[in-house]
């Protein structure tokens, strides 16, 4: 099975990488000349990463490490595999070695938790709550980013999880993708909503799930082009070409949802539809509103998608936006390194880290 690209210590002697930005060529040269257990600061922090980002990131990761539960998850009002997956990606986003680095045990325990609680028959990684497919989407993306990077040999080392609940990352990821594809086949819109059985769809859930399987495809898991095309067609149905606004559901009003237009911009970009009128419209929409204040309502969700969408669509706009967000996050980070959110501190902290992850540009799904 093809492994995806990454620049993390555990791949030192295994893979050849390509990086989206020429500045990271020198990073790779440094990386290949150093042992995996003695990372150079330029590998860990990237090239030209602002000190404020390093500070926010380091304090956030210490908080997440200190508050992880013994079973590998985190407490919160919406705790579950999706939030555990967000935290996994947060640990990996700045280049920490997932096998031997200071957070290797935390990463493995979190992945163990996601896999052990996956339905072995259906591959489902949701919860019994209202927004279960959000969890499945984020957990799928986390498995995608870990696959080929986290050692399968080390993954279950010392674990107390029963043998019948263990599987490899590739097995878990293939099951997760199968669950998504099965749910999509049952859905008249070719997309997703709150449960695998849903027959309606919305752009926020669909974006989360679609990014999960796009990450899996990037990792080398087989994802039919037809499945991606159907999901992207759903987004085009929900997009107004003139304004770039995106409706929540196909029959809903378009309104002014910044997060929805950011999600659409991102999936069009990663799904290779930058040549469409819809992409150009949504990219213009978020650029025009990049200087607007983002309200506290769904703030971290919006920041997470705005970071990626601006980075993919307009690098200069992302640079200016990124600086403002760094300053904002500096002001609201708590003394213990956490970020408060209505879905709990683990969610807020993980999403804040991922909002700034493009300053490192090490996770494959963030490549431009």
Protein backbone atom coordinates (compact mmCIF):
# COMPACT_ATOMS: atom_id res chain seq x y z
CA UNK A 1 0.00 0.00 0.00
CA UNK A 2 1.31 3.40 -0.93
CA UNK A 3 2.38 5.56 2.01
CA UNK A 4 1.68 9.28 2.06
CA UNK A 5 4.24 12.07 2.20
CA UNK A 6 5.31 13.61 5.45
CA UNK A 7 8.36 15.07 7.15
CA UNK A 8 8.45 13.40 10.51
CA UNK A 9 11.27 11.59 12.24
CA UNK A 10 9.88 8.07 11.98
CA UNK A 11 10.19 8.15 8.18
CA UNK A 12 13.88 9.01 8.19
CA UNK A 13 15.11 6.05 6.20
CA UNK A 14 11.84 4.88 4.63
CA UNK A 15 10.53 7.40 2.12
CA UNK A 16 11.34 10.14 -0.37
CA UNK A 17 9.28 13.29 0.09
CA UNK A 18 7.97 16.17 -1.94
CA UNK A 19 6.98 19.43 -0.28
CA UNK A 20 4.64 22.06 -1.62
CA UNK A 21 6.99 25.01 -0.99
CA UNK A 22 10.57 25.31 -2.20
CA UNK A 23 11.64 26.68 1.17
CA UNK A 24 11.12 23.28 2.68
CA UNK A 25 13.79 21.71 0.45
CA UNK A 26 16.47 22.85 2.86
CA UNK A 27 14.38 21.51 5.72
CA UNK A 28 14.51 18.09 4.11
CA UNK A 29 18.28 18.31 3.63
CA UNK A 30 18.68 19.04 7.33
CA UNK A 31 16.23 16.28 8.16
CA UNK A 32 17.96 13.57 6.19
CA UNK A 33 21.33 14.44 7.72
CA UNK A 34 20.10 14.15 11.31
CA UNK A 35 19.17 11.06 13.36
CA UNK A 36 15.44 10.73 14.05
CA UNK A 37 15.98 10.83 17.81
CA UNK A 38 17.90 14.12 17.74
CA UNK A 39 15.72 16.50 15.80
CA UNK A 40 17.16 19.78 14.69
CA UNK A 41 15.05 22.78 15.78
CA UNK A 42 14.40 23.66 12.13
CA UNK A 43 12.71 20.29 11.66
CA UNK A 44 10.61 20.62 14.78
CA UNK A 45 9.56 24.22 14.19
CA UNK A 46 9.70 24.53 10.42
CA UNK A 47 11.36 27.35 8.55
CA UNK A 48 10.51 30.89 9.58
CA UNK A 49 7.82 29.91 12.07
CA UNK A 50 6.99 33.00 14.19
CA UNK A 51 8.07 32.69 17.85
CA UNK A 52 4.51 33.49 18.93
CA UNK A 53 3.26 30.43 17.03
CA UNK A 54 5.91 28.21 18.62
CA UNK A 55 4.89 29.51 22.04
CA UNK A 56 1.16 28.97 21.48
CA UNK A 57 1.83 25.52 20.03
CA UNK A 58 4.16 24.34 22.80
CA UNK A 59 1.85 25.52 25.59
CA UNK A 60 -1.15 23.93 23.87
CA UNK A 61 0.57 20.56 23.43
CA UNK A 62 1.68 20.52 27.05
CA UNK A 63 -1.92 21.13 28.08
CA UNK A 64 -3.21 18.33 25.86
CA UNK A 65 -0.54 15.94 27.15
CA UNK A 66 -1.32 16.79 30.78
CA UNK A 67 -5.08 16.34 30.39
CA UNK A 68 -5.26 13.20 28.25
CA UNK A 69 -7.16 10.44 30.00
CA UNK A 70 -5.64 7.02 30.58
CA UNK A 71 -7.78 5.52 27.79
CA UNK A 72 -6.28 8.00 25.30
CA UNK A 73 -9.26 10.36 25.02
CA UNK A 74 -10.01 13.81 26.46
CA UNK A 75 -12.90 15.10 28.53
CA UNK A 76 -15.27 17.67 27.12
CA UNK A 77 -18.90 18.40 26.42
CA UNK A 78 -18.62 16.70 23.01
CA UNK A 79 -15.80 14.24 23.66
CA UNK A 80 -15.44 11.39 21.20
CA UNK A 81 -13.29 10.03 18.36
CA UNK A 82 -13.44 13.25 16.37
CA UNK A 83 -11.99 15.35 19.16
CA UNK A 84 -9.44 12.65 19.89
CA UNK A 85 -8.51 12.78 16.20
CA UNK A 86 -8.17 16.57 16.29
CA UNK A 87 -5.74 16.20 19.20
CA UNK A 88 -3.74 13.54 17.33
CA UNK A 89 -3.30 15.92 14.41
CA UNK A 90 -2.40 18.75 16.77
CA UNK A 91 0.48 16.70 18.20
CA UNK A 92 1.73 15.83 14.73
CA UNK A 93 1.29 19.22 13.07
CA UNK A 94 4.56 20.76 14.24
CA UNK A 95 6.70 17.77 13.30
CA UNK A 96 6.93 15.93 16.60
CA UNK A 97 8.24 12.41 16.01
CA UNK A 98 5.17 10.21 16.56
CA UNK A 99 7.24 7.14 17.39
CA UNK A 100 10.04 8.45 19.61
CA UNK A 101 9.28 12.10 20.34
CA UNK A 102 8.07 13.57 23.65
CA UNK A 103 4.43 13.05 22.65
CA UNK A 104 4.76 9.64 21.01
CA UNK A 105 2.96 7.85 23.83
CA UNK A 106 0.12 10.37 23.76
CA UNK A 107 -0.30 9.96 20.00
CA UNK A 108 -0.32 6.16 20.22
CA UNK A 109 -2.80 6.10 23.11
CA UNK A 110 -5.13 8.43 21.22
CA UNK A 111 -4.96 6.31 18.06
CA UNK A 112 -5.53 3.16 20.12
CA UNK A 113 -8.66 4.76 21.55
CA UNK A 114 -10.03 5.67 18.10
CA UNK A 115 -9.37 2.21 16.67
CA UNK A 116 -10.54 0.24 19.71
CA UNK A 117 -13.88 2.04 19.64
CA UNK A 118 -14.39 1.66 15.89
CA UNK A 119 -17.19 -0.67 14.85
CA UNK A 120 -15.32 -3.70 13.51
CA UNK A 121 -18.14 -4.57 11.09
CA UNK A 122 -19.18 -1.20 9.68
CA UNK A 123 -16.03 0.84 10.29
CA UNK A 124 -18.09 3.56 11.96
CA UNK A 125 -16.26 5.83 14.40
CA UNK A 126 -19.11 8.09 15.39
CA UNK A 127 -20.95 8.52 18.65
CA UNK A 128 -24.55 8.12 19.70
CA UNK A 129 -24.93 11.89 19.79
CA UNK A 130 -26.41 14.38 17.33
CA UNK A 131 -23.26 15.20 15.36
CA UNK A 132 -21.77 11.74 15.02
CA UNK A 133 -20.53 11.96 11.42
CA UNK A 134 -18.46 15.01 12.38
CA UNK A 135 -16.60 12.64 14.68
CA UNK A 136 -16.19 10.05 11.96
CA UNK A 137 -14.85 12.64 9.50
CA UNK A 138 -12.23 14.08 11.85
CA UNK A 139 -11.22 10.62 13.08
CA UNK A 140 -10.80 9.44 9.48
CA UNK A 141 -8.60 12.43 8.70
CA UNK A 142 -6.49 11.74 11.80
CA UNK A 143 -5.98 8.10 10.77
CA UNK A 144 -5.02 9.33 7.29
CA UNK A 145 -2.35 11.63 8.68
CA UNK A 146 -1.01 8.92 11.02
CA UNK A 147 -0.96 6.14 8.42
CA UNK A 148 2.53 5.58 7.06
CA UNK A 149 4.02 7.82 9.75
CA UNK A 150 3.22 6.05 13.01
CA UNK A 151 4.93 2.68 13.24
CA UNK A 152 2.49 -0.23 13.11
CA UNK A 153 4.98 -2.27 15.14
CA UNK A 154 4.95 0.27 17.98
CA UNK A 155 1.27 1.24 17.81
CA UNK A 156 -0.05 -1.36 20.27
CA UNK A 157 3.11 -1.79 22.30
CA UNK A 158 2.24 -2.03 25.99
CA UNK A 159 -1.48 -1.52 25.33
CA UNK A 160 -4.10 -3.14 27.53
CA UNK A 161 -6.69 -3.10 24.76
CA UNK A 162 -7.95 -6.65 24.09
CA UNK A 163 -6.57 -8.31 20.96
CA UNK A 164 -10.01 -8.54 19.35
CA UNK A 165 -10.34 -4.74 19.38
CA UNK A 166 -6.97 -4.09 17.77
CA UNK A 167 -6.23 -3.57 14.09
CA UNK A 168 -3.56 -1.85 12.04
CA UNK A 169 -3.86 1.77 10.97
CA UNK A 170 -4.36 0.69 7.37
CA UNK A 171 -7.14 -1.73 8.35
CA UNK A 172 -8.85 0.92 10.48
CA UNK A 173 -8.56 3.54 7.74
CA UNK A 174 -9.88 1.24 5.03
CA UNK A 175 -12.84 0.37 7.27
CA UNK A 176 -13.49 4.05 7.96
CA UNK A 177 -13.48 4.87 4.24
CA UNK A 178 -15.80 1.94 3.53
CA UNK A 179 -18.25 3.34 6.09
CA UNK A 180 -18.20 6.73 4.36
CA UNK A 181 -18.71 5.25 0.91
CA UNK A 182 -21.57 3.02 2.10
CA UNK A 183 -23.30 6.01 3.71
CA UNK A 184 -22.85 8.06 0.55
CA UNK A 185 -24.38 5.34 -1.64
CA UNK A 186 -27.54 5.45 0.49
CA UNK A 187 -27.76 9.24 0.37
CA UNK A 188 -29.80 10.81 -2.47
CA UNK A 189 -27.53 13.87 -2.44
CA UNK A 190 -24.30 11.87 -2.67
CA UNK A 191 -23.10 13.50 0.55
CA UNK A 192 -23.51 13.12 4.33
CA UNK A 193 -25.22 14.44 7.41
CA UNK A 194 -25.39 13.46 11.07
CA UNK A 195 -25.53 9.67 10.81
CA UNK A 196 -24.44 7.02 8.28
CA UNK A 197 -28.15 6.35 7.61
CA UNK A 198 -29.05 9.97 6.85
CA UNK A 199 -30.90 10.68 3.61
CA UNK A 200 -30.36 14.42 3.78
CA UNK A 201 -27.06 16.30 3.70
CA UNK A 202 -25.46 19.55 4.78
CA UNK A 203 -22.26 21.29 3.74
CA UNK A 204 -20.61 21.38 7.17
CA UNK A 205 -20.84 17.64 7.85
CA UNK A 206 -20.16 16.84 4.20
CA UNK A 207 -17.03 18.98 4.22
CA UNK A 208 -15.66 17.27 7.31
CA UNK A 209 -16.32 13.78 5.92
CA UNK A 210 -15.05 14.65 2.44
CA UNK A 211 -11.77 15.97 3.84
CA UNK A 212 -11.43 12.69 5.72
CA UNK A 213 -11.60 10.59 2.57
CA UNK A 214 -9.48 13.05 0.58
CA UNK A 215 -6.86 12.61 3.29
CA UNK A 216 -7.23 8.84 2.98
CA UNK A 217 -6.78 9.04 -0.77
CA UNK A 218 -3.68 11.16 -0.24
CA UNK A 219 -2.42 8.40 2.08
CA UNK A 220 -2.80 5.79 -0.64
CA UNK A 221 -6.17 4.29 0.30
CA UNK A 222 -8.39 3.57 -2.69
CA UNK A 223 -11.19 6.13 -2.92
CA UNK A 224 -13.22 6.04 -6.16
CA UNK A 225 -13.15 9.26 -8.18
CA UNK A 226 -16.91 8.93 -8.51
CA UNK A 227 -17.35 9.28 -4.74
CA UNK A 228 -15.31 12.50 -4.64
CA UNK A 229 -17.08 13.86 -7.71
CA UNK A 230 -20.55 13.23 -6.25
CA UNK A 231 -19.61 15.06 -3.04
CA UNK A 232 -18.12 17.98 -4.94
CA UNK A 233 -21.23 18.17 -7.14
CA UNK A 234 -23.25 18.48 -3.94
CA UNK A 235 -21.15 21.49 -2.92
CA UNK A 236 -21.60 23.05 -6.34
CA UNK A 237 -25.36 22.64 -5.95
CA UNK A 238 -25.16 24.61 -2.69
CA UNK A 239 -22.93 27.40 -4.04
CA UNK A 240 -24.12 30.68 -5.54
CA UNK A 241 -21.72 31.50 -8.38
CA UNK A 242 -22.29 35.22 -8.22
CA UNK A 243 -21.67 35.85 -4.54
CA UNK A 244 -19.77 32.78 -3.39
CA UNK A 245 -22.12 32.16 -0.50
CA UNK A 246 -22.86 28.53 0.33
CA UNK A 247 -26.09 27.21 1.78
CA UNK A 248 -26.23 24.85 4.74
CA UNK A 249 -28.53 22.46 2.85
CA UNK A 250 -29.51 22.45 -0.84
CA UNK A 251 -32.99 23.76 -0.02
CA UNK A 252 -31.83 26.25 2.60
CA UNK A 253 -31.21 29.98 2.26
CA UNK A 254 -27.65 30.97 1.48
CA UNK A 255 -27.09 33.62 4.09
CA UNK A 256 -23.58 34.72 4.92
CA UNK A 257 -21.89 31.70 6.48
CA UNK A 258 -18.16 32.32 6.34
CA UNK A 259 -17.31 28.81 7.54
CA UNK A 260 -19.42 27.21 4.79
CA UNK A 261 -17.75 29.21 2.03
CA UNK A 262 -14.34 28.38 3.53
CA UNK A 263 -15.20 24.67 3.60
CA UNK A 264 -16.35 24.80 -0.01
CA UNK A 265 -13.21 26.65 -1.10
CA UNK A 266 -11.06 24.04 0.61
CA UNK A 267 -12.80 20.98 -0.83
CA UNK A 268 -12.83 22.50 -4.32
CA UNK A 269 -9.08 23.13 -4.02
CA UNK A 270 -8.14 19.73 -2.60
CA UNK A 271 -10.61 18.03 -4.94
CA UNK A 272 -8.96 19.71 -7.96
CA UNK A 273 -11.83 21.94 -8.99
CA UNK A 274 -10.02 25.25 -8.93
CA UNK A 275 -11.06 25.84 -12.52
CA UNK A 276 -14.78 26.01 -11.67
CA UNK A 277 -16.85 29.19 -11.30
CA UNK A 278 -17.96 27.97 -7.88
CA UNK A 279 -14.38 27.79 -6.58
CA UNK A 280 -13.57 31.27 -7.88
CA UNK A 281 -16.75 32.61 -6.28
CA UNK A 282 -16.17 31.07 -2.84
CA UNK A 283 -12.49 32.00 -2.86
CA UNK A 284 -13.45 35.59 -3.58
CA UNK A 285 -16.11 35.52 -0.87
CA UNK A 286 -13.71 34.49 1.90
CA UNK A 287 -10.99 36.87 0.70
CA UNK A 288 -13.40 39.82 0.86
CA UNK A 289 -14.33 38.87 4.41
CA UNK A 290 -10.91 37.85 5.67
CA UNK A 291 -10.53 41.11 7.60
CA UNK A 292 -13.93 40.78 9.31
CA UNK A 293 -14.10 39.79 12.95
CA UNK A 294 -15.05 36.18 13.54
CA UNK A 295 -17.64 35.86 16.26
CA UNK A 296 -17.24 33.49 19.18
CA UNK A 297 -20.07 31.34 17.79
CA UNK A 298 -18.34 28.35 16.14
CA UNK A 299 -15.15 30.42 16.24
CA UNK A 300 -12.60 27.58 16.22
CA UNK A 301 -14.44 25.69 13.51
CA UNK A 302 -14.43 28.81 11.33
CA UNK A 303 -10.77 29.59 12.07
CA UNK A 304 -9.75 26.03 11.22
CA UNK A 305 -11.35 26.11 7.78
CA UNK A 306 -10.49 29.73 7.01
CA UNK A 307 -6.80 29.00 7.59
CA UNK A 308 -6.76 26.16 5.09
CA UNK A 309 -9.05 27.79 2.53
CA UNK A 310 -7.11 31.07 2.40
CA UNK A 311 -3.82 29.20 2.26
CA UNK A 312 -5.02 27.20 -0.73
CA UNK A 313 -6.67 30.09 -2.56
CA UNK A 314 -4.62 33.24 -1.85
CA UNK A 315 -1.29 32.93 -0.08
CA UNK A 316 -0.86 36.67 0.49
CA UNK A 317 -4.35 36.95 1.97
CA UNK A 318 -3.54 34.01 4.24
CA UNK A 319 -0.33 35.68 5.44
CA UNK A 320 -2.14 38.85 6.52
CA UNK A 321 -5.03 36.88 8.07
CA UNK A 322 -2.63 34.53 9.82
CA UNK A 323 -0.85 37.39 11.57
CA UNK A 324 -4.12 38.77 12.92
CA UNK A 325 -5.19 35.33 14.15
CA UNK A 326 -1.86 34.74 15.88
CA UNK A 327 -2.39 37.95 17.84
CA UNK A 328 -5.98 36.99 18.66
CA UNK A 329 -5.05 33.51 19.87
CA UNK A 330 -2.23 34.93 21.99
CA UNK A 331 -4.77 37.05 23.84
CA UNK A 332 -7.26 34.28 24.57
CA UNK A 333 -4.96 31.39 25.43
CA UNK A 334 -5.40 30.44 29.09
CA UNK A 335 -2.63 30.25 31.67
CA UNK A 336 -2.62 26.46 31.47
CA UNK A 337 -2.15 26.60 27.69
CA UNK A 338 -5.74 25.72 26.83
CA UNK A 339 -8.40 27.46 24.77
CA UNK A 340 -11.98 27.54 26.03
CA UNK A 341 -14.77 26.48 23.72
CA UNK A 342 -18.39 25.43 24.03
CA UNK A 343 -17.28 21.89 23.10
CA UNK A 344 -14.61 21.68 25.78
CA UNK A 345 -11.00 22.72 26.17
CA UNK A 346 -9.52 19.79 24.25
CA UNK A 347 -11.55 20.73 21.17
CA UNK A 348 -10.70 24.44 21.43
CA UNK A 349 -7.02 23.76 22.05
CA UNK A 350 -6.66 21.20 19.28
CA UNK A 351 -8.43 23.41 16.75
CA UNK A 352 -6.34 26.44 17.74
CA UNK A 353 -3.18 24.42 17.10
CA UNK A 354 -4.48 23.25 13.72
CA UNK A 355 -5.46 26.82 12.78
CA UNK A 356 -1.78 27.71 13.13
CA UNK A 357 -0.47 24.45 11.64
CA UNK A 358 0.09 26.00 8.23
CA UNK A 359 2.96 27.97 9.75
CA UNK A 360 4.72 24.58 9.92
CA UNK A 361 3.16 22.99 6.81
CA UNK A 362 4.13 19.47 7.78
CA UNK A 363 0.83 17.53 7.66
CA UNK A 364 0.27 16.18 4.13
CA UNK A 365 -3.33 17.39 3.89
CA UNK A 366 -2.04 20.97 4.28
CA UNK A 367 0.25 20.82 1.23
CA UNK A 368 -0.57 23.41 -1.38
